[in-house]
Amino acid sequence: MSSFNRRLALTMLLAPLAACNFQPVYGPGGSGTALRNQIRLTNPDTRIEFEVLSRFEDRLGTGSTYDLDFAIETGQRDLAIDGAENIGRINVVGSLAFTLREAATGRILQQGEVATFTAYATTDSPVATASARRDAENRLAVALADQLVTRLLAGAPTWS
């Protein structure tokens, strides 16, 4: 029988966090609850921007206290090229630059950029390849939105 006590181990691991004023983001008074339904994003112009907006609103809702402007840049890199010069795998890379402003005053509260990539495989079927590319772009949009939310939640204690 093991003498390992999970509760004691967890308590010992979390004790240093309590000492440094650790506060859960979605706990009472955390920045996650403070930002819920407070941020309005600019209207999307592209399908990828719409996917980012959709994921962002799923995570934090929408409101009118803060305005968030963002711009997305995407590109692709060919990864797997065989002897006949057929491309078998493609990376879709993207970055999202953002500026968060206080709606009432226009004062910039936070700005920055997040970036990531996804990939998809090509096939002999153009329809299947187009579907895989669209899926990769959707995954890219979700990943960018999640990184954006994380960055805003991390920075919120300094401006919210």
Protein backbone atom coordinates (compact mmCIF):
# COMPACT_ATOMS: atom_id res chain seq x y z
CA MET A 1 0.00 0.00 0.00
CA SER A 2 1.32 3.42 -0.92
CA SER A 3 1.73 6.08 1.72
CA PHE A 4 1.32 8.83 -0.91
CA ASN A 5 -1.32 11.33 0.15
CA ARG A 6 -2.72 13.30 -2.80
CA ARG A 7 -4.35 15.98 -0.67
CA LEU A 8 -1.15 16.68 1.20
CA ALA A 9 0.85 16.82 -2.03
CA LEU A 10 -1.69 19.18 -3.66
CA THR A 11 -1.70 21.42 -0.60
CA MET A 12 2.08 21.59 -0.62
CA LEU A 13 2.13 22.45 -4.33
CA LEU A 14 -0.53 25.18 -4.06
CA ALA A 15 0.77 26.78 -0.85
CA PRO A 16 3.42 28.88 -2.65
CA LEU A 17 0.74 30.17 -5.03
CA ALA A 18 -1.39 31.40 -2.14
CA ALA A 19 1.62 33.23 -0.74
CA CYS A 20 2.12 35.17 -3.98
CA ASN A 21 -1.51 36.38 -4.19
CA PHE A 22 -2.49 33.77 -6.76
CA GLN A 23 -6.11 34.25 -7.77
CA PRO A 24 -7.99 31.97 -10.16
CA VAL A 25 -8.99 33.81 -13.34
CA TYR A 26 -12.56 32.52 -13.19
CA GLY A 27 -12.80 32.60 -9.39
CA PRO A 28 -14.73 35.23 -7.41
CA GLY A 29 -13.35 38.64 -8.36
CA GLY A 30 -11.03 37.16 -11.00
CA SER A 31 -10.34 38.91 -14.31
CA GLY A 32 -12.32 36.24 -16.19
CA THR A 33 -15.54 37.22 -14.50
CA ALA A 34 -14.68 40.94 -14.67
CA LEU A 35 -14.29 40.77 -18.48
CA ARG A 36 -17.33 38.62 -19.22
CA ASN A 37 -19.74 40.56 -21.47
CA GLN A 38 -17.56 43.69 -21.44
CA ILE A 39 -15.66 43.64 -24.77
CA ARG A 40 -16.97 44.46 -28.24
CA LEU A 41 -14.89 43.32 -31.22
CA THR A 42 -14.76 45.10 -34.56
CA ASN A 43 -16.98 43.66 -37.27
CA PRO A 44 -15.32 40.87 -39.25
CA ASP A 45 -14.47 41.26 -42.93
CA THR A 46 -13.31 37.72 -43.68
CA ARG A 47 -14.41 34.20 -42.81
CA ILE A 48 -11.39 33.70 -40.53
CA GLU A 49 -12.13 36.97 -38.71
CA PHE A 50 -15.72 35.80 -38.25
CA GLU A 51 -14.48 32.51 -36.77
CA VAL A 52 -12.23 34.43 -34.35
CA LEU A 53 -15.14 36.67 -33.35
CA SER A 54 -17.40 33.66 -32.84
CA ARG A 55 -14.89 31.83 -30.63
CA PHE A 56 -14.11 35.02 -28.67
CA GLU A 57 -17.79 35.61 -27.96
CA ASP A 58 -18.18 31.97 -26.89
CA ARG A 59 -15.45 32.51 -24.30
CA LEU A 60 -16.12 36.07 -23.06
CA GLY A 61 -19.44 37.20 -24.53
CA THR A 62 -19.92 40.68 -25.96
CA GLY A 63 -20.41 44.06 -24.36
CA SER A 64 -19.72 47.76 -24.73
CA THR A 65 -17.27 48.78 -21.99
CA TYR A 66 -14.17 48.06 -24.10
CA ASP A 67 -13.55 48.04 -27.87
CA LEU A 68 -11.15 45.52 -29.37
CA ASP A 69 -9.72 46.13 -32.84
CA PHE A 70 -7.86 43.27 -34.46
CA ALA A 71 -6.24 42.37 -37.76
CA ILE A 72 -5.31 38.90 -38.94
CA GLU A 73 -2.56 37.95 -41.35
CA THR A 74 -2.33 34.42 -42.71
CA GLY A 75 0.00 32.55 -45.01
CA GLN A 76 1.05 29.04 -45.84
CA ARG A 77 4.25 27.02 -45.99
CA ASP A 78 4.72 23.84 -47.97
CA LEU A 79 6.12 21.14 -45.71
CA ALA A 80 6.21 17.71 -47.33
CA ILE A 81 7.28 17.64 -50.97
CA ASP A 82 7.89 14.25 -52.58
CA GLY A 83 10.24 13.30 -55.43
CA ALA A 84 7.65 14.26 -58.05
CA GLU A 85 7.37 17.69 -56.40
CA ASN A 86 3.86 17.03 -55.09
CA ILE A 87 3.05 18.89 -51.90
CA GLY A 88 1.68 16.51 -49.28
CA ARG A 89 1.40 18.72 -46.18
CA ILE A 90 0.89 22.45 -45.74
CA ASN A 91 1.22 24.67 -42.67
CA VAL A 92 -1.27 27.51 -42.35
CA VAL A 93 0.37 30.25 -40.28
CA GLY A 94 -1.42 33.20 -38.79
CA SER A 95 -0.96 36.18 -36.54
CA LEU A 96 -3.49 38.44 -34.88
CA ALA A 97 -2.56 41.99 -33.87
CA PHE A 98 -4.94 43.62 -31.41
CA THR A 99 -5.61 46.89 -29.61
CA LEU A 100 -8.01 47.12 -26.68
CA ARG A 101 -9.47 50.55 -25.92
CA GLU A 102 -11.75 51.90 -23.26
CA ALA A 103 -14.97 52.66 -25.16
CA ALA A 104 -15.81 55.85 -23.29
CA THR A 105 -12.41 57.54 -23.63
CA GLY A 106 -10.60 55.72 -26.44
CA ARG A 107 -7.61 55.21 -24.14
CA ILE A 108 -5.46 52.23 -25.17
CA LEU A 109 -5.44 49.66 -22.38
CA GLN A 110 -3.59 46.78 -23.98
CA GLN A 111 -2.12 45.89 -27.34
CA GLY A 112 -0.06 43.09 -28.75
CA GLU A 113 0.10 40.19 -31.14
CA VAL A 114 -0.48 36.46 -30.94
CA ALA A 115 0.57 33.88 -33.52
CA THR A 116 0.25 30.18 -34.21
CA PHE A 117 -0.09 27.64 -37.00
CA THR A 118 -2.05 24.58 -38.05
CA ALA A 119 -1.50 22.08 -40.83
CA TYR A 120 -3.41 19.95 -43.29
CA ALA A 121 -2.65 17.18 -45.74
CA THR A 122 -3.32 17.44 -49.45
CA THR A 123 -4.85 14.66 -51.51
CA ASP A 124 -5.50 13.91 -55.17
CA SER A 125 -9.02 15.25 -54.71
CA PRO A 126 -9.29 19.05 -54.99
CA VAL A 127 -12.54 18.99 -53.00
CA ALA A 128 -10.97 17.05 -50.12
CA THR A 129 -7.93 19.33 -50.13
CA ALA A 130 -10.12 22.46 -50.07
CA SER A 131 -12.13 20.99 -47.19
CA ALA A 132 -8.94 20.19 -45.27
CA ARG A 133 -7.62 23.72 -45.87
CA ARG A 134 -10.87 25.25 -44.60
CA ASP A 135 -10.77 23.04 -41.51
CA ALA A 136 -7.17 24.09 -40.85
CA GLU A 137 -8.15 27.76 -41.18
CA ASN A 138 -11.02 27.21 -38.71
CA ARG A 139 -8.62 25.57 -36.24
CA LEU A 140 -6.20 28.47 -36.73
CA ALA A 141 -8.97 30.98 -35.94
CA VAL A 142 -9.93 29.11 -32.76
CA ALA A 143 -6.30 28.94 -31.63
CA LEU A 144 -5.76 32.66 -32.29
CA ALA A 145 -8.96 33.58 -30.42
CA ASP A 146 -7.97 31.40 -27.46
CA GLN A 147 -4.53 33.02 -27.31
CA LEU A 148 -6.15 36.46 -27.52
CA VAL A 149 -8.50 35.67 -24.64
CA THR A 150 -5.59 34.34 -22.57
CA ARG A 151 -3.55 37.48 -23.24
CA LEU A 152 -6.46 39.75 -22.29
CA LEU A 153 -7.19 37.79 -19.11
CA ALA A 154 -3.53 37.95 -18.11
CA GLY A 155 -3.35 41.70 -18.71
CA ALA A 156 -6.74 42.64 -17.26
CA PRO A 157 -5.61 43.13 -13.65
CA THR A 158 -3.55 46.13 -14.78
CA TRP A 159 -6.44 47.94 -16.51
CA SER A 160 -9.84 46.51 -15.52
